């Protein structure tokens, strides 16, 4: 693991999850999380990044479109770097798994996916990248914001700094905008 990542201490973990639940709701619940304002919820076209084919024995062989994956990680790293100073970190939360602090400036702009201890693209789990004060971040949902397993994978990008940075250079995996409270007056 590179020096861009450090496991949360027990004290950090015990502080961050109650704060998360107060602001966004329970991360493992089957109900929708509270959507931050301002935010943009993007549908993610994960089928263009990962797909499976069956081999002769009928077992799934997974493939990755490395160019799309690289585009996503490079653009989001740049967006995080634009929002933080060199020494600042993000909380990276993965419910019921190890959680981390992440210093985006410690990764090179062309860092491969393997340098990311926690993925950006939800692969069945929900990954959340949050500023220490929770003023901006990326909430990644395997099943969209609703918590419904029939919903589609999504990112909720929130906070003016990060929304602007992401909109300026949108990753190719973003298929469409699901909801945009950033440009509406009342956030509804």
Protein backbone atom coordinates (compact mmCIF):
# COMPACT_ATOMS: atom_id res chain seq x y z
CA UNK A 1 0.00 0.00 0.00
CA UNK A 2 1.40 3.39 -0.99
CA UNK A 3 1.79 6.26 1.47
CA UNK A 4 -1.35 7.79 -0.08
CA UNK A 5 -3.46 5.49 2.11
CA UNK A 6 -3.63 4.84 5.85
CA UNK A 7 -6.17 2.80 7.77
CA UNK A 8 -8.39 4.86 10.05
CA UNK A 9 -7.46 4.59 13.69
CA UNK A 10 -10.08 3.22 16.07
CA UNK A 11 -10.76 6.77 17.31
CA UNK A 12 -11.20 8.09 13.74
CA UNK A 13 -13.48 5.17 12.87
CA UNK A 14 -15.59 5.72 16.00
CA UNK A 15 -15.87 9.43 15.13
CA UNK A 16 -16.53 9.27 11.40
CA UNK A 17 -19.32 6.66 11.18
CA UNK A 18 -21.71 8.35 13.65
CA UNK A 19 -21.10 11.65 11.83
CA UNK A 20 -21.82 9.92 8.51
CA UNK A 21 -25.08 8.44 9.83
CA UNK A 22 -26.24 11.81 11.24
CA UNK A 23 -25.58 13.57 7.93
CA UNK A 24 -26.43 10.91 5.34
CA UNK A 25 -28.27 8.06 7.07
CA UNK A 26 -27.31 4.44 7.71
CA UNK A 27 -24.87 3.22 5.04
CA UNK A 28 -26.11 -0.36 4.99
CA UNK A 29 -29.81 0.31 5.14
CA UNK A 30 -32.35 -0.56 2.52
CA UNK A 31 -33.69 2.99 2.55
CA UNK A 32 -32.40 5.96 0.64
CA UNK A 33 -29.57 7.97 2.12
CA UNK A 34 -30.05 11.68 2.65
CA UNK A 35 -28.83 13.37 -0.50
CA UNK A 36 -26.56 16.31 0.23
CA UNK A 37 -27.21 19.74 -1.23
CA UNK A 38 -25.89 20.88 -3.61
CA UNK A 39 -25.21 17.66 -5.47
CA UNK A 40 -25.40 15.91 -8.79
CA UNK A 41 -26.26 12.22 -8.99
CA UNK A 42 -24.70 10.51 -12.00
CA UNK A 43 -25.68 7.11 -13.39
CA UNK A 44 -22.58 4.98 -14.06
CA UNK A 45 -22.28 2.74 -17.12
CA UNK A 46 -20.37 -0.05 -15.43
CA UNK A 47 -21.22 -2.53 -18.20
CA UNK A 48 -18.82 -0.59 -20.42
CA UNK A 49 -16.02 -1.08 -17.86
CA UNK A 50 -16.57 -4.70 -16.75
CA UNK A 51 -18.22 -7.58 -18.51
CA UNK A 52 -18.15 -11.37 -18.32
CA UNK A 53 -17.95 -14.07 -20.94
CA UNK A 54 -18.31 -17.77 -20.31
CA UNK A 55 -15.42 -20.13 -20.94
CA UNK A 56 -15.81 -23.67 -22.29
CA UNK A 57 -16.77 -24.94 -18.82
CA UNK A 58 -19.41 -22.24 -18.45
CA UNK A 59 -17.42 -20.26 -15.87
CA UNK A 60 -17.44 -16.48 -16.06
CA UNK A 61 -14.26 -14.80 -17.22
CA UNK A 62 -14.27 -11.14 -16.29
CA UNK A 63 -12.83 -8.47 -18.54
CA UNK A 64 -11.98 -4.84 -17.81
CA UNK A 65 -11.89 -1.97 -20.27
CA UNK A 66 -8.65 -0.58 -18.88
CA UNK A 67 -8.86 2.64 -20.91
CA UNK A 68 -12.25 3.54 -19.40
CA UNK A 69 -11.12 2.54 -15.94
CA UNK A 70 -7.96 4.62 -16.30
CA UNK A 71 -9.97 7.61 -17.56
CA UNK A 72 -12.23 7.40 -14.50
CA UNK A 73 -9.44 7.10 -11.93
CA UNK A 74 -7.28 9.79 -13.54
CA UNK A 75 -10.09 12.34 -13.82
CA UNK A 76 -11.42 11.74 -10.31
CA UNK A 77 -7.92 11.90 -8.82
CA UNK A 78 -7.45 15.25 -10.53
CA UNK A 79 -10.82 16.48 -9.22
CA UNK A 80 -9.92 15.47 -5.65
CA UNK A 81 -6.52 17.14 -5.99
CA UNK A 82 -8.19 20.38 -7.11
CA UNK A 83 -10.30 20.42 -3.93
CA UNK A 84 -7.52 19.73 -1.43
CA UNK A 85 -4.16 21.23 -0.55
CA UNK A 86 -1.08 19.05 -0.75
CA UNK A 87 -1.27 17.85 2.87
CA UNK A 88 -5.03 17.33 3.13
CA UNK A 89 -6.74 13.96 3.06
CA UNK A 90 -10.16 12.46 2.46
CA UNK A 91 -12.00 9.88 4.49
CA UNK A 92 -12.69 6.79 2.40
CA UNK A 93 -15.48 4.75 3.90
CA UNK A 94 -16.64 1.27 2.98
CA UNK A 95 -19.32 0.03 5.37
CA UNK A 96 -18.35 -3.16 7.24
CA UNK A 97 -14.87 -3.06 5.70
CA UNK A 98 -11.58 -1.35 6.47
CA UNK A 99 -11.79 2.42 6.09
CA UNK A 100 -8.97 4.80 5.22
CA UNK A 101 -7.60 8.28 5.00
CA UNK A 102 -6.49 9.08 1.46
CA UNK A 103 -4.06 11.80 0.36
CA UNK A 104 -4.80 12.33 -3.37
CA UNK A 105 -1.68 14.47 -3.91
CA UNK A 106 0.50 11.50 -3.00
CA UNK A 107 -0.61 9.53 -6.07
CA UNK A 108 0.78 10.39 -9.51
CA UNK A 109 -1.81 11.53 -12.05
CA UNK A 110 -1.35 8.31 -14.05
CA UNK A 111 -1.56 5.99 -11.03
CA UNK A 112 -3.08 2.66 -12.10
CA UNK A 113 -6.20 1.24 -10.49
CA UNK A 114 -3.97 -1.06 -8.44
CA UNK A 115 -2.73 1.99 -6.47
CA UNK A 116 -6.27 2.62 -5.18
CA UNK A 117 -6.86 0.60 -2.02
CA UNK A 118 -10.58 1.36 -2.24
CA UNK A 119 -12.15 1.51 -5.71
CA UNK A 120 -14.06 4.48 -7.08
CA UNK A 121 -16.48 2.35 -9.05
CA UNK A 122 -19.02 0.50 -6.89
CA UNK A 123 -18.65 -3.23 -7.43
CA UNK A 124 -21.34 -4.45 -5.07
CA UNK A 125 -20.26 -2.31 -2.12
CA UNK A 126 -20.77 1.40 -1.60
CA UNK A 127 -17.63 3.54 -1.44
CA UNK A 128 -17.64 7.07 -0.04
CA UNK A 129 -14.85 9.66 -0.45
CA UNK A 130 -15.46 12.56 1.94
CA UNK A 131 -13.66 15.71 3.02
CA UNK A 132 -12.83 15.70 6.71
CA UNK A 133 -15.59 18.25 7.39
CA UNK A 134 -18.07 16.44 5.08
CA UNK A 135 -18.50 19.63 3.02
CA UNK A 136 -17.77 17.83 -0.24
CA UNK A 137 -17.38 14.30 -1.44
CA UNK A 138 -18.38 11.42 -3.64
CA UNK A 139 -20.91 8.89 -2.41
CA UNK A 140 -20.66 5.77 -4.56
CA UNK A 141 -23.65 3.46 -4.72
CA UNK A 142 -23.81 -0.02 -6.20
CA UNK A 143 -27.60 0.34 -6.32
CA UNK A 144 -28.09 4.07 -6.74
CA UNK A 145 -29.15 6.42 -3.99
CA UNK A 146 -32.34 4.50 -3.22
CA UNK A 147 -30.79 1.42 -1.60
CA UNK A 148 -33.04 -0.68 -3.86
CA UNK A 149 -31.11 -3.54 -5.47
CA UNK A 150 -33.03 -2.95 -8.72
CA UNK A 151 -31.66 0.59 -8.94
CA UNK A 152 -28.63 1.42 -11.07
CA UNK A 153 -25.09 2.20 -9.87
CA UNK A 154 -24.52 5.88 -9.20
CA UNK A 155 -22.23 8.53 -7.81
CA UNK A 156 -23.59 11.40 -5.77
CA UNK A 157 -21.03 14.20 -6.13
CA UNK A 158 -21.66 16.99 -3.66
CA UNK A 159 -20.22 20.30 -2.55
CA UNK A 160 -19.58 23.15 -4.94
CA UNK A 161 -15.81 22.62 -5.24
CA UNK A 162 -16.03 18.96 -6.17
CA UNK A 163 -19.13 19.32 -8.36
CA UNK A 164 -17.34 22.01 -10.39
CA UNK A 165 -14.16 19.93 -10.67
CA UNK A 166 -16.02 16.80 -11.80
CA UNK A 167 -18.26 18.67 -14.26
CA UNK A 168 -15.17 20.28 -15.84
CA UNK A 169 -13.79 16.87 -16.89
CA UNK A 170 -16.47 14.20 -16.57
CA UNK A 171 -15.26 10.58 -16.61
CA UNK A 172 -16.47 8.57 -19.60
CA UNK A 173 -18.22 6.03 -17.32
CA UNK A 174 -20.78 8.69 -16.41
CA UNK A 175 -23.79 7.81 -18.53
CA UNK A 176 -26.27 10.53 -17.58
CA UNK A 177 -27.42 12.84 -14.82
CA UNK A 178 -30.08 11.27 -12.62
CA UNK A 179 -30.68 14.32 -10.45
CA UNK A 180 -29.11 17.78 -10.28
CA UNK A 181 -29.85 19.80 -7.14
CA UNK A 182 -26.81 21.93 -7.87
CA UNK A 183 -28.59 24.06 -10.46
CA UNK A 184 -32.03 24.24 -8.85
CA UNK A 185 -33.04 26.94 -6.39
CA UNK A 186 -34.63 24.79 -3.71
CA UNK A 187 -32.64 21.55 -4.13
CA UNK A 188 -35.74 19.56 -5.10
